[in-house]
Amino acid sequence: MVFSLDRWVGKVAIVTGASSGIGASIAEELVERGLKVAAFARRKVLLEVLAKNLSGKKGQLFPVKVDLTKEEDILNGFKWVKETLGPVHILINNAGITGNTTISYGDSEIWKQIFQVNVIGLSIATREAVRDMRANNVDGHIIHINSILGHQVIYIPSLSVYPSSKYAVTALAETLRLELNSLKSKIKITSISPGLVKTEGLANEILQSEGFKQIIKEKKFSIRLMLQKLLFMFYPHLLMFR
């Protein structure tokens, strides 16, 4: 099999949660590589700043205001992409929230928000991407930005519900793989599980907790390392950058 940098150039990628952190870094890298990136997030102002900073690059970033807790927003976002940019080739489900809460005395509204974004929103976006890819005979790629907490529970104060949402993402990736296999589809599904990354998604009091500091001390994780893994899936013939 021959892999080429040209494979994804000019193609459409959707990145959710693209206004900051991991999502913004992924969107930026894809634009650098020549893709048309539809950046989904609630904070459109931040997306517009990112788009301005990326003007003149090989690809282009298109800000799309989407709240992942609202199905109508997601559907409208996909509708805009299909009508304006064309068929979806890549979906990166990056949007996620941690939620500063516990099981013992937590707020059920925070629990709902965690699952609405991390599980339901992800599932709706995945469904729409698969529908669009199949309708246009696109052998696309769906990528879930998961977490190591989706495979092993590590005690972090006030982060008791988040791991269960990521375990769900692990299962959803596998069930989608089985579904696509049964359909004899060539659409790929990948789940990437980075370690703890210091982004806006982690509440400040969690970042300052002794438990979190100890985890950071023992293990070194970065957005850059995760991007290396992501790029390697798209461009496996390239050497990983240092």
Protein backbone atom coordinates (compact mmCIF):
# COMPACT_ATOMS: atom_id res chain seq x y z
CA MET A 1 0.00 0.00 0.00
CA VAL A 2 1.32 3.44 -0.96
CA PHE A 3 0.75 6.34 1.39
CA SER A 4 0.95 9.92 0.20
CA LEU A 5 0.82 13.33 1.80
CA ASP A 6 -1.63 14.25 -0.92
CA ARG A 7 -4.25 11.82 0.32
CA TRP A 8 -5.91 14.31 2.66
CA VAL A 9 -5.00 17.61 1.03
CA GLY A 10 -8.13 19.58 0.21
CA LYS A 11 -10.34 17.13 2.08
CA VAL A 12 -12.78 18.12 4.82
CA ALA A 13 -12.10 17.39 8.47
CA ILE A 14 -14.36 18.21 11.39
CA VAL A 15 -12.73 18.79 14.78
CA THR A 16 -15.00 19.20 17.80
CA GLY A 17 -13.94 21.21 20.81
CA ALA A 18 -11.52 23.11 18.60
CA SER A 19 -11.46 26.46 20.39
CA SER A 20 -8.58 25.60 22.73
CA GLY A 21 -6.24 22.91 24.01
CA ILE A 22 -5.92 19.63 22.17
CA GLY A 23 -8.68 20.47 19.68
CA ALA A 24 -7.09 23.77 18.64
CA SER A 25 -3.69 22.09 18.26
CA ILE A 26 -5.14 19.32 16.10
CA ALA A 27 -7.07 21.79 13.94
CA GLU A 28 -3.96 23.91 13.47
CA GLU A 29 -1.85 20.92 12.44
CA LEU A 30 -4.44 19.72 9.92
CA VAL A 31 -4.67 23.18 8.37
CA GLU A 32 -0.87 23.22 8.10
CA ARG A 33 -1.16 19.92 6.21
CA GLY A 34 -3.61 21.35 3.69
CA LEU A 35 -7.02 20.22 4.93
CA LYS A 36 -10.23 22.21 5.08
CA VAL A 37 -11.04 22.11 8.78
CA ALA A 38 -14.51 22.78 10.15
CA ALA A 39 -13.80 23.75 13.74
CA PHE A 40 -16.76 23.05 16.03
CA ALA A 41 -17.01 24.78 19.43
CA ARG A 42 -19.30 26.97 21.48
CA ARG A 43 -16.87 29.89 21.64
CA LYS A 44 -16.88 31.09 18.05
CA VAL A 45 -14.80 34.17 18.89
CA LEU A 46 -11.85 31.94 19.79
CA LEU A 47 -12.36 29.95 16.59
CA GLU A 48 -12.30 33.16 14.57
CA VAL A 49 -9.02 34.19 16.21
CA LEU A 50 -7.56 30.79 15.39
CA ALA A 51 -8.77 31.05 11.79
CA LYS A 52 -7.15 34.48 11.47
CA ASN A 53 -3.86 33.18 12.85
CA LEU A 54 -3.92 30.36 10.30
CA SER A 55 -4.71 32.52 7.28
CA GLY A 56 -2.26 31.97 4.46
CA LYS A 57 -1.54 28.36 5.44
CA LYS A 58 -1.83 25.43 3.06
CA GLY A 59 -5.35 24.63 4.24
CA GLN A 60 -8.09 26.69 5.86
CA LEU A 61 -10.02 26.73 9.10
CA PHE A 62 -13.76 27.44 9.13
CA PRO A 63 -15.28 28.44 12.50
CA VAL A 64 -18.65 26.78 13.20
CA LYS A 65 -20.49 27.53 16.43
CA VAL A 66 -21.71 24.19 17.80
CA ASP A 67 -22.76 23.27 21.33
CA LEU A 68 -22.19 19.51 21.71
CA THR A 69 -24.93 19.32 24.34
CA LYS A 70 -27.52 20.26 21.70
CA GLU A 71 -28.35 17.76 18.97
CA GLU A 72 -29.84 20.48 16.77
CA ASP A 73 -26.53 22.38 16.88
CA ILE A 74 -24.61 19.29 15.81
CA LEU A 75 -27.02 18.53 12.97
CA ASN A 76 -26.91 22.13 11.76
CA GLY A 77 -23.13 22.09 11.94
CA PHE A 78 -22.90 19.00 9.75
CA LYS A 79 -25.49 20.45 7.38
CA TRP A 80 -23.41 23.62 6.97
CA VAL A 81 -20.25 21.61 6.35
CA LYS A 82 -21.87 19.39 3.72
CA GLU A 83 -23.48 22.32 1.89
CA THR A 84 -20.48 24.65 2.11
CA LEU A 85 -17.33 22.54 2.15
CA GLY A 86 -18.36 19.15 0.78
CA PRO A 87 -18.29 15.53 1.99
CA VAL A 88 -16.74 14.79 5.37
CA HIS A 89 -13.55 12.73 5.20
CA ILE A 90 -12.32 12.97 8.79
CA LEU A 91 -14.12 13.46 12.10
CA ILE A 92 -12.09 14.05 15.23
CA ASN A 93 -14.27 13.78 18.32
CA ASN A 94 -12.16 15.85 20.66
CA ALA A 95 -14.77 17.80 22.65
CA GLY A 96 -14.96 16.69 26.24
CA ILE A 97 -15.45 18.02 29.75
CA THR A 98 -14.11 16.66 33.02
CA GLY A 99 -16.60 18.09 35.50
CA ASN A 100 -15.49 18.91 39.03
CA THR A 101 -17.73 16.44 40.87
CA THR A 102 -17.90 13.22 42.85
CA ILE A 103 -20.24 10.24 43.14
CA SER A 104 -20.75 10.62 46.90
CA TYR A 105 -21.95 14.21 46.98
CA GLY A 106 -21.89 15.38 43.37
CA ASP A 107 -24.26 17.53 41.37
CA SER A 108 -26.38 15.44 38.99
CA GLU A 109 -26.53 18.33 36.51
CA ILE A 110 -22.74 18.16 36.15
CA TRP A 111 -23.02 14.39 35.65
CA LYS A 112 -25.52 14.97 32.85
CA GLN A 113 -23.28 17.53 31.16
CA ILE A 114 -20.31 15.16 31.23
CA PHE A 115 -22.24 12.37 29.52
CA GLN A 116 -24.04 14.74 27.16
CA VAL A 117 -20.77 16.04 25.74
CA ASN A 118 -18.41 13.08 26.16
CA VAL A 119 -20.81 10.31 25.14
CA ILE A 120 -24.07 11.53 23.54
CA GLY A 121 -22.57 14.43 21.59
CA LEU A 122 -19.73 12.20 20.41
CA SER A 123 -22.21 9.54 19.30
CA ILE A 124 -24.40 11.99 17.38
CA ALA A 125 -21.38 13.46 15.59
CA THR A 126 -20.14 9.96 14.78
CA ARG A 127 -23.51 8.93 13.39
CA GLU A 128 -23.69 11.98 11.15
CA ALA A 129 -20.13 11.49 9.90
CA VAL A 130 -20.72 7.82 9.07
CA ARG A 131 -23.95 8.67 7.25
CA ASP A 132 -22.23 11.34 5.18
CA MET A 133 -19.20 9.19 4.40
CA ARG A 134 -21.31 6.25 3.28
CA ALA A 135 -23.63 8.45 1.23
CA ASN A 136 -20.62 9.85 -0.63
CA ASN A 137 -18.60 6.61 -0.85
CA VAL A 138 -15.84 8.12 1.26
CA ASP A 139 -13.46 5.76 3.04
CA GLY A 140 -13.01 8.22 5.85
CA HIS A 141 -11.52 8.16 9.31
CA ILE A 142 -13.24 8.77 12.65
CA ILE A 143 -11.02 9.45 15.64
CA HIS A 144 -12.12 9.59 19.27
CA ILE A 145 -9.84 11.52 21.61
CA ASN A 146 -10.26 9.19 24.55
CA SER A 147 -8.17 9.02 27.75
CA ILE A 148 -6.06 6.62 29.76
CA LEU A 149 -8.92 6.95 32.24
CA GLY A 150 -11.05 5.12 29.69
CA HIS A 151 -8.96 2.00 30.35
CA GLN A 152 -7.91 2.27 33.98
CA VAL A 153 -9.43 4.29 36.79
CA ILE A 154 -6.90 6.44 38.63
CA TYR A 155 -8.11 8.29 41.68
CA ILE A 156 -8.01 12.02 41.12
CA PRO A 157 -9.95 14.16 43.60
CA SER A 158 -13.21 15.56 42.19
CA LEU A 159 -12.83 13.55 38.98
CA SER A 160 -14.99 10.58 39.84
CA VAL A 161 -17.54 10.61 37.01
CA TYR A 162 -15.32 11.51 34.05
CA PRO A 163 -13.61 8.07 33.79
CA SER A 164 -16.92 6.29 33.28
CA SER A 165 -17.68 8.56 30.31
CA LYS A 166 -14.31 7.64 28.79
CA TYR A 167 -14.90 3.93 29.38
CA ALA A 168 -18.04 4.50 27.31
CA VAL A 169 -15.92 6.04 24.54
CA THR A 170 -13.69 2.95 24.56
CA ALA A 171 -16.75 0.74 24.13
CA LEU A 172 -18.27 3.01 21.47
CA ALA A 173 -15.10 2.83 19.40
CA GLU A 174 -15.13 -0.97 19.50
CA THR A 175 -18.85 -1.32 18.78
CA LEU A 176 -18.51 1.07 15.83
CA ARG A 177 -15.59 -1.00 14.54
CA LEU A 178 -17.77 -4.10 14.69
CA GLU A 179 -20.67 -2.29 12.99
CA LEU A 180 -18.46 -1.02 10.16
CA ASN A 181 -16.94 -4.47 9.75
CA SER A 182 -20.38 -6.04 9.45
CA LEU A 183 -21.23 -3.49 6.76
CA LYS A 184 -17.94 -4.29 4.98
CA SER A 185 -17.16 -0.58 5.20
CA LYS A 186 -13.63 0.76 4.80
CA ILE A 187 -14.29 3.68 7.14
CA LYS A 188 -11.68 3.58 9.90
CA ILE A 189 -12.27 4.15 13.60
CA THR A 190 -9.44 5.00 15.98
CA SER A 191 -9.44 5.73 19.69
CA ILE A 192 -6.47 7.72 21.04
CA SER A 193 -5.96 7.72 24.81
CA PRO A 194 -3.54 10.42 25.95
CA GLY A 195 -2.53 10.80 29.54
CA LEU A 196 -3.22 13.88 31.59
CA VAL A 197 -2.80 17.03 29.52
CA LYS A 198 -2.88 20.47 31.10
CA THR A 199 -5.72 22.21 29.25
CA GLU A 200 -8.72 24.36 30.09
CA GLY A 201 -10.71 21.14 30.50
CA LEU A 202 -9.06 20.42 33.84
CA ALA A 203 -10.46 22.50 36.66
CA ASN A 204 -7.86 24.59 38.49
CA GLU A 205 -8.50 22.94 41.86
CA ILE A 206 -7.84 19.54 40.24
CA LEU A 207 -4.60 20.85 38.75
CA GLN A 208 -3.53 22.09 42.17
CA SER A 209 -4.44 18.90 44.03
CA GLU A 210 -1.61 16.80 45.49
CA GLY A 211 -2.91 13.69 43.72
CA PHE A 212 -2.73 15.39 40.33
CA LYS A 213 0.72 16.84 41.00
CA GLN A 214 2.02 13.39 41.88
CA ILE A 215 0.66 11.92 38.63
CA ILE A 216 2.28 14.71 36.61
CA LYS A 217 5.55 14.16 38.48
CA GLU A 218 5.59 10.45 37.69
CA LYS A 219 4.38 10.62 34.08
CA LYS A 220 5.15 13.14 31.37
CA PHE A 221 2.38 13.76 28.83
CA SER A 222 1.96 16.49 26.24
CA ILE A 223 -0.30 17.59 23.42
CA ARG A 224 2.71 17.35 21.10
CA LEU A 225 3.21 13.64 21.81
CA MET A 226 -0.45 12.95 21.07
CA LEU A 227 -0.24 14.91 17.82
CA GLN A 228 2.69 12.73 16.78
CA LYS A 229 0.48 9.67 17.13
CA LEU A 230 -2.37 11.36 15.29
CA LEU A 231 -0.19 12.47 12.38
CA PHE A 232 1.37 9.03 12.12
CA MET A 233 -2.07 7.57 11.36
CA PHE A 234 -2.54 9.99 8.46
CA TYR A 235 1.09 9.98 7.27
CA PRO A 236 2.62 6.66 8.41
CA HIS A 237 5.60 6.95 6.09
CA LEU A 238 6.87 10.07 7.86
CA LEU A 239 9.36 10.08 10.69
CA MET A 240 7.89 11.39 13.92
CA PHE A 241 8.95 14.96 14.62
CA ARG A 242 11.01 15.68 17.71
